């Protein structure tokens, strides 16, 4: 009890819900993007375009929340493409269009996702492997499973999943409601529960957390398990949104998921995470792609735009701009010995 007291004081200090710099920045960027879209590419913000964009933004937001959990523990998850693709393949191939087999496929996919999450957690948490190497290897295993199940060929989703995940209620896509619930629950748990605050404390300083007796390895491994569960949910939604998704549908979510985390203000070094900001960043990136697409540019340019957004996010939140300004504006001081010698020479 006496050992954990400092940790609780550090975590509980100040309000639990604060408007972060990342939330303000990405919200302002989204507003500016909306204005630019309305002026330069009005078709990118009309009703049909928004109905087409928002479901994919919801999927990206859920994937981004999973990536945020991993990044908060100082890691990074490169198994996103395989995880999302595997969820899509299991959800579409096992039922084979039969609504009666959908529930069994969903349960099987969830179990598989948890299994791969545990594998990631063991490799990174207990075996201390580099997260990039570990998750990249697990991603390869996932793609082996994708090819084994699908043979690389797509299959149509069931009518039930198409109506639930791809449907619209009160003019809003159902996937958006699901994403809002996921983000809200994750944010509340992270900011109001003891486990959530310990999760952030461990990510910020695992050495100090271990010294207080917190189970650092369990929390770190748990981040990968929860991330895989969220990737599975995103893949299920994607299978319902797209009538006939490909077997490699998750390929498009690796770079955007990291970009959403960074643009949301979560440090790649771990610690506090800004889940709501990550979700708004997902909407920003999805609309940015819609805007660039409406301008008629190529796919290569769209990829470069995503990479540029990631670069801007890293520059905004990792560079100490105050120190840079001080260095640029400060007048260089000559050493005392040099100044004295120059004075003697001039005299």
Foldseek 3Di string as FASTA:
>chain_A
DVLCVVLVCVLPPDDLDDCDPLLVQLVVLLVVLVVCCCVPPVVCPDLVNCLVLVLQLLLLLLLLLLQLLLLQQLAGAPLLQLLLLLLLLLQFQQCLQPPVCNVVSLVVSLVVLLVLLLQLLCCCLVVVDHSVVSNVVSSVVSVVVLCVRAVFFWGFGYPVLLCQLQHDDPSHGNSNVVSVVVLVVVSCCLRPPPVNSLSQVCSVPVVSSVVSPDPSSVSNSVSSSVSSSSSSVSSSSVSNNDRIDTSRNSPVRRLQSLLLQLSSQADSSHGDGDSVSSSSSSSSLSSLLSSVVSVPDDPVVNVVVSVVSSVVSCCVRPDPVVVVVCVVPDDDDDDPVVVVVVVVVVD
